[in-house]
Amino acid sequence: MRIPTPTPPPVLPLSPQVFAILSSLVADRAGLHFETTHLSTFAEKVSIRVYESGFTSFIDYYYFLRYDPAAEAELQELVEALVIGETYL
């Protein structure tokens, strides 16, 4: 019997303007910097966090991270999603 795998959430559209403010927030709070050349990769990874956090847009997610006192735990989850884990053998 095959166990169905969950369908990944769709990648939300990310405008350059929203990318700028969201990536700036990530840079300020976590020290991670993303160039516009990485917009699609950033959108893919952040879309998952947006979806899993119950939001429907990047801008709503941004406002949550920026202004909600309870956002610190979610910011840590976002950083985990954005950082590529390395494996050493």
PDB file of N, CA and C in Angstrom:
ATOM      1  N   MET A   1       0.826  -1.163   0.000  1.00  0.00           N
ATOM      2  CA  MET A   1       0.000   0.000   0.000  1.00  0.00           C
ATOM      3  C   MET A   1       0.886   1.248   0.000  1.00  0.00           C
ATOM      4  N   ARG A   2       0.546   2.184  -0.863  1.00  0.00           N
ATOM      5  CA  ARG A   2       1.299   3.433  -0.923  1.00  0.00           C
ATOM      6  C   ARG A   2       0.661   4.463  -0.008  1.00  0.00           C
ATOM      7  N   ILE A   3       1.495   5.165   0.670  1.00  0.00           N
ATOM      8  CA  ILE A   3       1.028   6.254   1.521  1.00  0.00           C
ATOM      9  C   ILE A   3       1.097   7.529   0.687  1.00  0.00           C
ATOM     10  N   PRO A   4      -0.027   8.213   0.535  1.00  0.00           N
ATOM     11  CA  PRO A   4       0.007   9.429  -0.276  1.00  0.00           C
ATOM     12  C   PRO A   4       0.872  10.504   0.371  1.00  0.00           C
ATOM     13  N   THR A   5       1.618  11.187  -0.460  1.00  0.00           N
ATOM     14  CA  THR A   5       2.430  12.288   0.045  1.00  0.00           C
ATOM     15  C   THR A   5       1.609  13.569  -0.029  1.00  0.00           C
ATOM     16  N   PRO A   6       1.781  14.430   0.936  1.00  0.00           N
ATOM     17  CA  PRO A   6       1.004  15.670   0.915  1.00  0.00           C
ATOM     18  C   PRO A   6       1.394  16.539  -0.274  1.00  0.00           C
ATOM     19  N   THR A   7       0.421  17.209  -0.820  1.00  0.00           N
ATOM     20  CA  THR A   7       0.673  18.117  -1.925  1.00  0.00           C
ATOM     21  C   THR A   7       1.306  19.389  -1.380  1.00  0.00           C
ATOM     22  N   PRO A   8       2.431  19.802  -1.963  1.00  0.00           N
ATOM     23  CA  PRO A   8       3.046  21.037  -1.469  1.00  0.00           C
ATOM     24  C   PRO A   8       2.152  22.233  -1.783  1.00  0.00           C
ATOM     25  N   PRO A   9       2.221  23.257  -0.968  1.00  0.00           N
ATOM     26  CA  PRO A   9       1.404  24.434  -1.236  1.00  0.00           C
ATOM     27  C   PRO A   9       1.862  25.123  -2.517  1.00  0.00           C
ATOM     28  N   PRO A  10       0.963  25.829  -3.176  1.00  0.00           N
ATOM     29  CA  PRO A  10       1.370  26.541  -4.386  1.00  0.00           C
ATOM     30  C   PRO A  10       2.312  27.687  -4.036  1.00  0.00           C
ATOM     31  N   VAL A  11       3.190  28.011  -4.976  1.00  0.00           N
ATOM     32  CA  VAL A  11       4.076  29.155  -4.784  1.00  0.00           C
ATOM     33  C   VAL A  11       3.262  30.413  -5.064  1.00  0.00           C
ATOM     34  N   LEU A  12       3.197  31.265  -4.088  1.00  0.00           N
ATOM     35  CA  LEU A  12       2.436  32.507  -4.222  1.00  0.00           C
ATOM     36  C   LEU A  12       3.199  33.509  -5.087  1.00  0.00           C
ATOM     37  N   PRO A  13       2.484  34.377  -5.796  1.00  0.00           N
ATOM     38  CA  PRO A  13       3.174  35.408  -6.576  1.00  0.00           C
ATOM     39  C   PRO A  13       3.828  36.424  -5.640  1.00  0.00           C
ATOM     40  N   LEU A  14       5.070  36.754  -5.930  1.00  0.00           N
ATOM     41  CA  LEU A  14       5.830  37.688  -5.097  1.00  0.00           C
ATOM     42  C   LEU A  14       6.323  38.834  -5.962  1.00  0.00           C
ATOM     43  N   SER A  15       5.790  40.014  -5.727  1.00  0.00           N
ATOM     44  CA  SER A  15       6.214  41.185  -6.500  1.00  0.00           C
ATOM     45  C   SER A  15       7.594  41.635  -6.027  1.00  0.00           C
ATOM     46  N   PRO A  16       8.338  42.321  -6.883  1.00  0.00           N
ATOM     47  CA  PRO A  16       9.646  42.836  -6.463  1.00  0.00           C
ATOM     48  C   PRO A  16       9.548  43.769  -5.248  1.00  0.00           C
ATOM     49  N   GLN A  17       8.463  44.516  -5.146  1.00  0.00           N
ATOM     50  CA  GLN A  17       8.300  45.438  -4.023  1.00  0.00           C
ATOM     51  C   GLN A  17       8.114  44.688  -2.704  1.00  0.00           C
ATOM     52  N   VAL A  18       7.285  43.659  -2.719  1.00  0.00           N
ATOM     53  CA  VAL A  18       7.070  42.883  -1.494  1.00  0.00           C
ATOM     54  C   VAL A  18       8.318  42.062  -1.175  1.00  0.00           C
ATOM     55  N   PHE A  19       8.999  41.555  -2.211  1.00  0.00           N
ATOM     56  CA  PHE A  19      10.275  40.870  -1.991  1.00  0.00           C
ATOM     57  C   PHE A  19      11.240  41.803  -1.263  1.00  0.00           C
ATOM     58  N   ALA A  20      11.292  43.065  -1.690  1.00  0.00           N
ATOM     59  CA  ALA A  20      12.224  44.025  -1.093  1.00  0.00           C
ATOM     60  C   ALA A  20      11.952  44.216   0.397  1.00  0.00           C
ATOM     61  N   ILE A  21      10.692  44.402   0.778  1.00  0.00           N
ATOM     62  CA  ILE A  21      10.424  44.652   2.202  1.00  0.00           C
ATOM     63  C   ILE A  21      10.542  43.383   3.039  1.00  0.00           C
ATOM     64  N   LEU A  22      10.149  42.248   2.473  1.00  0.00           N
ATOM     65  CA  LEU A  22      10.230  40.993   3.222  1.00  0.00           C
ATOM     66  C   LEU A  22      11.679  40.539   3.370  1.00  0.00           C
ATOM     67  N   SER A  23      12.458  40.633   2.303  1.00  0.00           N
ATOM     68  CA  SER A  23      13.868  40.236   2.396  1.00  0.00           C
ATOM     69  C   SER A  23      14.645  41.205   3.284  1.00  0.00           C
ATOM     70  N   SER A  24      14.249  42.476   3.302  1.00  0.00           N
ATOM     71  CA  SER A  24      14.877  43.448   4.192  1.00  0.00           C
ATOM     72  C   SER A  24      14.597  43.106   5.655  1.00  0.00           C
ATOM     73  N   LEU A  25      13.380  42.693   5.940  1.00  0.00           N
ATOM     74  CA  LEU A  25      13.025  42.273   7.298  1.00  0.00           C
ATOM     75  C   LEU A  25      13.864  41.067   7.722  1.00  0.00           C
ATOM     76  N   VAL A  26      14.002  40.098   6.829  1.00  0.00           N
ATOM     77  CA  VAL A  26      14.809  38.905   7.124  1.00  0.00           C
ATOM     78  C   VAL A  26      16.268  39.306   7.342  1.00  0.00           C
ATOM     79  N   ALA A  27      16.766  40.230   6.539  1.00  0.00           N
ATOM     80  CA  ALA A  27      18.148  40.692   6.697  1.00  0.00           C
ATOM     81  C   ALA A  27      18.337  41.401   8.036  1.00  0.00           C
ATOM     82  N   ASP A  28      17.405  42.274   8.381  1.00  0.00           N
ATOM     83  CA  ASP A  28      17.510  43.023   9.640  1.00  0.00           C
ATOM     84  C   ASP A  28      17.406  42.132  10.866  1.00  0.00           C
ATOM     85  N   ARG A  29      16.497  41.193  10.839  1.00  0.00           N
ATOM     86  CA  ARG A  29      16.229  40.373  12.022  1.00  0.00           C
ATOM     87  C   ARG A  29      17.114  39.133  12.126  1.00  0.00           C
ATOM     88  N   ALA A  30      17.527  38.587  10.966  1.00  0.00           N
ATOM     89  CA  ALA A  30      18.259  37.315  11.009  1.00  0.00           C
ATOM     90  C   ALA A  30      19.631  37.376  10.345  1.00  0.00           C
ATOM     91  N   GLY A  31      19.936  38.481   9.678  1.00  0.00           N
ATOM     92  CA  GLY A  31      21.239  38.603   9.035  1.00  0.00           C
ATOM     93  C   GLY A  31      21.374  37.821   7.744  1.00  0.00           C
ATOM     94  N   LEU A  32      20.260  37.371   7.178  1.00  0.00           N
ATOM     95  CA  LEU A  32      20.287  36.644   5.905  1.00  0.00           C
ATOM     96  C   LEU A  32      19.960  37.620   4.784  1.00  0.00           C
ATOM     97  N   HIS A  33      20.800  37.656   3.764  1.00  0.00           N
ATOM     98  CA  HIS A  33      20.626  38.596   2.663  1.00  0.00           C
ATOM     99  C   HIS A  33      20.312  37.846   1.376  1.00  0.00           C
ATOM    100  N   PHE A  34      19.316  38.339   0.648  1.00  0.00           N
ATOM    101  CA  PHE A  34      18.895  37.726  -0.611  1.00  0.00           C
ATOM    102  C   PHE A  34      18.872  38.778  -1.701  1.00  0.00           C
ATOM    103  N   GLU A  35      19.525  38.471  -2.813  1.00  0.00           N
ATOM    104  CA  GLU A  35      19.518  39.356  -3.977  1.00  0.00           C
ATOM    105  C   GLU A  35      18.258  39.096  -4.789  1.00  0.00           C
ATOM    106  N   THR A  36      17.888  40.047  -5.637  1.00  0.00           N
ATOM    107  CA  THR A  36      16.702  39.878  -6.478  1.00  0.00           C
ATOM    108  C   THR A  36      16.850  38.708  -7.439  1.00  0.00           C
ATOM    109  N   THR A  37      18.078  38.288  -7.707  1.00  0.00           N
ATOM    110  CA  THR A  37      18.278  37.122  -8.579  1.00  0.00           C
ATOM    111  C   THR A  37      17.774  35.842  -7.924  1.00  0.00           C
ATOM    112  N   HIS A  38      17.560  35.881  -6.619  1.00  0.00           N
ATOM    113  CA  HIS A  38      17.060  34.710  -5.886  1.00  0.00           C
ATOM    114  C   HIS A  38      15.583  34.838  -5.524  1.00  0.00           C
ATOM    115  N   LEU A  39      14.869  35.733  -6.196  1.00  0.00           N
ATOM    116  CA  LEU A  39      13.466  35.983  -5.882  1.00  0.00           C
ATOM    117  C   LEU A  39      12.626  34.719  -5.970  1.00  0.00           C
ATOM    118  N   SER A  40      12.795  33.928  -7.015  1.00  0.00           N
ATOM    119  CA  SER A  40      11.946  32.734  -7.171  1.00  0.00           C
ATOM    120  C   SER A  40      12.224  31.699  -6.086  1.00  0.00           C
ATOM    121  N   THR A  41      13.477  31.495  -5.735  1.00  0.00           N
ATOM    122  CA  THR A  41      13.817  30.550  -4.665  1.00  0.00           C
ATOM    123  C   THR A  41      13.272  31.051  -3.328  1.00  0.00           C
ATOM    124  N   PHE A  42      13.431  32.327  -3.080  1.00  0.00           N
ATOM    125  CA  PHE A  42      12.903  32.944  -1.864  1.00  0.00           C
ATOM    126  C   PHE A  42      11.390  32.757  -1.801  1.00  0.00           C
ATOM    127  N   ALA A  43      10.712  33.021  -2.915  1.00  0.00           N
ATOM    128  CA  ALA A  43       9.249  32.884  -2.970  1.00  0.00           C
ATOM    129  C   ALA A  43       8.813  31.453  -2.689  1.00  0.00           C
ATOM    130  N   GLU A  44       9.526  30.479  -3.245  1.00  0.00           N
ATOM    131  CA  GLU A  44       9.180  29.072  -3.018  1.00  0.00           C
ATOM    132  C   GLU A  44       9.258  28.719  -1.537  1.00  0.00           C
ATOM    133  N   LYS A  45      10.359  29.090  -0.916  1.00  0.00           N
ATOM    134  CA  LYS A  45      10.572  28.717   0.482  1.00  0.00           C
ATOM    135  C   LYS A  45       9.648  29.476   1.433  1.00  0.00           C
ATOM    136  N   VAL A  46       9.455  30.758   1.170  1.00  0.00           N
ATOM    137  CA  VAL A  46       8.608  31.553   2.054  1.00  0.00           C
ATOM    138  C   VAL A  46       7.137  31.195   1.855  1.00  0.00           C
ATOM    139  N   SER A  47       6.753  30.813   0.641  1.00  0.00           N
ATOM    140  CA  SER A  47       5.363  30.403   0.389  1.00  0.00           C
ATOM    141  C   SER A  47       4.940  29.281   1.325  1.00  0.00           C
ATOM    142  N   ILE A  48       5.840  28.362   1.585  1.00  0.00           N
ATOM    143  CA  ILE A  48       5.532  27.252   2.489  1.00  0.00           C
ATOM    144  C   ILE A  48       5.219  27.782   3.886  1.00  0.00           C
ATOM    145  N   ARG A  49       6.042  28.719   4.367  1.00  0.00           N
ATOM    146  CA  ARG A  49       5.803  29.283   5.697  1.00  0.00           C
ATOM    147  C   ARG A  49       4.514  30.107   5.729  1.00  0.00           C
ATOM    148  N   VAL A  50       4.243  30.839   4.654  1.00  0.00           N
ATOM    149  CA  VAL A  50       3.004  31.619   4.574  1.00  0.00           C
ATOM    150  C   VAL A  50       1.815  30.675   4.704  1.00  0.00           C
ATOM    151  N   TYR A  51       1.840  29.612   3.924  1.00  0.00           N
ATOM    152  CA  TYR A  51       0.756  28.626   3.912  1.00  0.00           C
ATOM    153  C   TYR A  51       0.611  27.943   5.275  1.00  0.00           C
ATOM    154  N   GLU A  52       1.730  27.477   5.827  1.00  0.00           N
ATOM    155  CA  GLU A  52       1.682  26.751   7.097  1.00  0.00           C
ATOM    156  C   GLU A  52       1.297  27.648   8.274  1.00  0.00           C
ATOM    157  N   SER A  53       1.490  28.942   8.123  1.00  0.00           N
ATOM    158  CA  SER A  53       1.117  29.887   9.179  1.00  0.00           C
ATOM    159  C   SER A  53      -0.324  30.365   9.058  1.00  0.00           C
ATOM    160  N   GLY A  54      -0.995  29.947   7.990  1.00  0.00           N
ATOM    161  CA  GLY A  54      -2.397  30.291   7.826  1.00  0.00           C
ATOM    162  C   GLY A  54      -2.670  31.590   7.096  1.00  0.00           C
ATOM    163  N   PHE A  55      -1.651  32.164   6.475  1.00  0.00           N
ATOM    164  CA  PHE A  55      -1.841  33.403   5.727  1.00  0.00           C
ATOM    165  C   PHE A  55      -2.094  33.083   4.259  1.00  0.00           C
ATOM    166  N   THR A  56      -2.618  34.066   3.538  1.00  0.00           N
ATOM    167  CA  THR A  56      -2.919  33.858   2.121  1.00  0.00           C
ATOM    168  C   THR A  56      -2.102  34.755   1.206  1.00  0.00           C
ATOM    169  N   SER A  57      -1.270  35.609   1.790  1.00  0.00           N
ATOM    170  CA  SER A  57      -0.437  36.483   0.959  1.00  0.00           C
ATOM    171  C   SER A  57       0.868  36.793   1.678  1.00  0.00           C
ATOM    172  N   PHE A  58       1.867  37.157   0.881  1.00  0.00           N
ATOM    173  CA  PHE A  58       3.152  37.547   1.454  1.00  0.00           C
ATOM    174  C   PHE A  58       3.023  38.817   2.288  1.00  0.00           C
ATOM    175  N   ILE A  59       2.189  39.742   1.840  1.00  0.00           N
ATOM    176  CA  ILE A  59       2.085  41.015   2.552  1.00  0.00           C
ATOM    177  C   ILE A  59       1.455  40.830   3.932  1.00  0.00           C
ATOM    178  N   ASP A  60       0.450  39.965   4.034  1.00  0.00           N
ATOM    179  CA  ASP A  60      -0.129  39.677   5.354  1.00  0.00           C
ATOM    180  C   ASP A  60       0.902  39.016   6.261  1.00  0.00           C
ATOM    181  N   TYR A  61       1.675  38.106   5.695  1.00  0.00           N
ATOM    182  CA  TYR A  61       2.731  37.424   6.447  1.00  0.00           C
ATOM    183  C   TYR A  61       3.783  38.435   6.904  1.00  0.00           C
ATOM    184  N   TYR A  62       4.153  39.347   6.004  1.00  0.00           N
ATOM    185  CA  TYR A  62       5.119  40.388   6.353  1.00  0.00           C
ATOM    186  C   TYR A  62       4.618  41.209   7.543  1.00  0.00           C
ATOM    187  N   TYR A  63       3.372  41.674   7.485  1.00  0.00           N
ATOM    188  CA  TYR A  63       2.832  42.491   8.579  1.00  0.00           C
ATOM    189  C   TYR A  63       2.821  41.719   9.898  1.00  0.00           C
ATOM    190  N   PHE A  64       2.520  40.433   9.823  1.00  0.00           N
ATOM    191  CA  PHE A  64       2.573  39.604  11.027  1.00  0.00           C
ATOM    192  C   PHE A  64       3.992  39.586  11.590  1.00  0.00           C
ATOM    193  N   LEU A  65       4.981  39.277  10.749  1.00  0.00           N
ATOM    194  CA  LEU A  65       6.365  39.206  11.208  1.00  0.00           C
ATOM    195  C   LEU A  65       6.861  40.555  11.719  1.00  0.00           C
ATOM    196  N   ARG A  66       6.428  41.604  11.082  1.00  0.00           N
ATOM    197  CA  ARG A  66       6.921  42.946  11.406  1.00  0.00           C
ATOM    198  C   ARG A  66       6.306  43.514  12.686  1.00  0.00           C
ATOM    199  N   TYR A  67       5.014  43.278  12.885  1.00  0.00           N
ATOM    200  CA  TYR A  67       4.324  43.998  13.950  1.00  0.00           C
ATOM    201  C   TYR A  67       3.750  43.148  15.078  1.00  0.00           C
ATOM    202  N   ASP A  68       3.617  41.856  14.891  1.00  0.00           N
ATOM    203  CA  ASP A  68       2.991  41.030  15.929  1.00  0.00           C
ATOM    204  C   ASP A  68       4.031  40.593  16.956  1.00  0.00           C
ATOM    205  N   PRO A  69       3.782  40.845  18.240  1.00  0.00           N
ATOM    206  CA  PRO A  69       4.738  40.435  19.268  1.00  0.00           C
ATOM    207  C   PRO A  69       4.966  38.921  19.316  1.00  0.00           C
ATOM    208  N   ALA A  70       4.023  38.153  18.825  1.00  0.00           N
ATOM    209  CA  ALA A  70       4.147  36.691  18.853  1.00  0.00           C
ATOM    210  C   ALA A  70       4.899  36.141  17.644  1.00  0.00           C
ATOM    211  N   ALA A  71       5.463  36.997  16.819  1.00  0.00           N
ATOM    212  CA  ALA A  71       6.068  36.556  15.560  1.00  0.00           C
ATOM    213  C   ALA A  71       7.478  35.981  15.701  1.00  0.00           C
ATOM    214  N   GLU A  72       8.091  36.109  16.844  1.00  0.00           N
ATOM    215  CA  GLU A  72       9.488  35.666  16.986  1.00  0.00           C
ATOM    216  C   GLU A  72       9.663  34.180  16.688  1.00  0.00           C
ATOM    217  N   ALA A  73       8.759  33.355  17.169  1.00  0.00           N
ATOM    218  CA  ALA A  73       8.854  31.910  16.910  1.00  0.00           C
ATOM    219  C   ALA A  73       8.698  31.625  15.422  1.00  0.00           C
ATOM    220  N   GLU A  74       7.795  32.333  14.765  1.00  0.00           N
ATOM    221  CA  GLU A  74       7.612  32.130  13.325  1.00  0.00           C
ATOM    222  C   GLU A  74       8.828  32.608  12.549  1.00  0.00           C
ATOM    223  N   LEU A  75       9.453  33.675  13.000  1.00  0.00           N
ATOM    224  CA  LEU A  75      10.670  34.145  12.336  1.00  0.00           C
ATOM    225  C   LEU A  75      11.744  33.064  12.381  1.00  0.00           C
ATOM    226  N   GLN A  76      11.850  32.363  13.490  1.00  0.00           N
ATOM    227  CA  GLN A  76      12.815  31.264  13.586  1.00  0.00           C
ATOM    228  C   GLN A  76      12.476  30.150  12.601  1.00  0.00           C
ATOM    229  N   GLU A  77      11.194  29.848  12.452  1.00  0.00           N
ATOM    230  CA  GLU A  77      10.764  28.840  11.472  1.00  0.00           C
ATOM    231  C   GLU A  77      11.111  29.289  10.055  1.00  0.00           C
ATOM    232  N   LEU A  78      10.914  30.567   9.778  1.00  0.00           N
ATOM    233  CA  LEU A  78      11.243  31.106   8.457  1.00  0.00           C
ATOM    234  C   LEU A  78      12.734  30.992   8.181  1.00  0.00           C
ATOM    235  N   VAL A  79      13.551  31.339   9.150  1.00  0.00           N
ATOM    236  CA  VAL A  79      15.007  31.231   8.985  1.00  0.00           C
ATOM    237  C   VAL A  79      15.393  29.787   8.701  1.00  0.00           C
ATOM    238  N   GLU A  80      14.807  28.853   9.430  1.00  0.00           N
ATOM    239  CA  GLU A  80      15.079  27.427   9.184  1.00  0.00           C
ATOM    240  C   GLU A  80      14.726  27.043   7.752  1.00  0.00           C
ATOM    241  N   ALA A  81      13.620  27.570   7.253  1.00  0.00           N
ATOM    242  CA  ALA A  81      13.189  27.248   5.886  1.00  0.00           C
ATOM    243  C   ALA A  81      14.117  27.858   4.843  1.00  0.00           C
ATOM    244  N   LEU A  82      14.696  29.014   5.148  1.00  0.00           N
ATOM    245  CA  LEU A  82      15.536  29.708   4.176  1.00  0.00           C
ATOM    246  C   LEU A  82      16.976  29.217   4.147  1.00  0.00           C
ATOM    247  N   VAL A  83      17.433  28.659   5.250  1.00  0.00           N
ATOM    248  CA  VAL A  83      18.822  28.211   5.339  1.00  0.00           C
ATOM    249  C   VAL A  83      18.924  26.793   4.806  1.00  0.00           C
ATOM    250  N   ILE A  84      19.885  26.580   3.960  1.00  0.00           N
ATOM    251  CA  ILE A  84      20.111  25.242   3.417  1.00  0.00           C
ATOM    252  C   ILE A  84      20.983  24.489   4.403  1.00  0.00           C
ATOM    253  N   GLY A  85      20.458  23.388   4.919  1.00  0.00           N
ATOM    254  CA  GLY A  85      21.231  22.575   5.843  1.00  0.00           C
ATOM    255  C   GLY A  85      22.310  21.796   5.108  1.00  0.00           C
ATOM    256  N   GLU A  86      23.485  21.761   5.684  1.00  0.00           N
ATOM    257  CA  GLU A  86      24.581  21.017   5.078  1.00  0.00           C
ATOM    258  C   GLU A  86      24.787  19.719   5.837  1.00  0.00           C
ATOM    259  N   THR A  87      25.102  18.685   5.090  1.00  0.00           N
ATOM    260  CA  THR A  87      25.372  17.383   5.670  1.00  0.00           C
ATOM    261  C   THR A  87      26.832  17.035   5.408  1.00  0.00           C
ATOM    262  N   TYR A  88      27.501  16.602   6.430  1.00  0.00           N
ATOM    263  CA  TYR A  88      28.894  16.206   6.288  1.00  0.00           C
ATOM    264  C   TYR A  88      29.002  14.707   6.500  1.00  0.00           C
ATOM    265  N   LEU A  89      29.683  14.058   5.595  1.00  0.00           N
ATOM    266  CA  LEU A  89      29.878  12.611   5.720  1.00  0.00           C
ATOM    267  C   LEU A  89      31.302  12.293   6.063  1.00  0.00           C
TER     268      LEU A  89
END
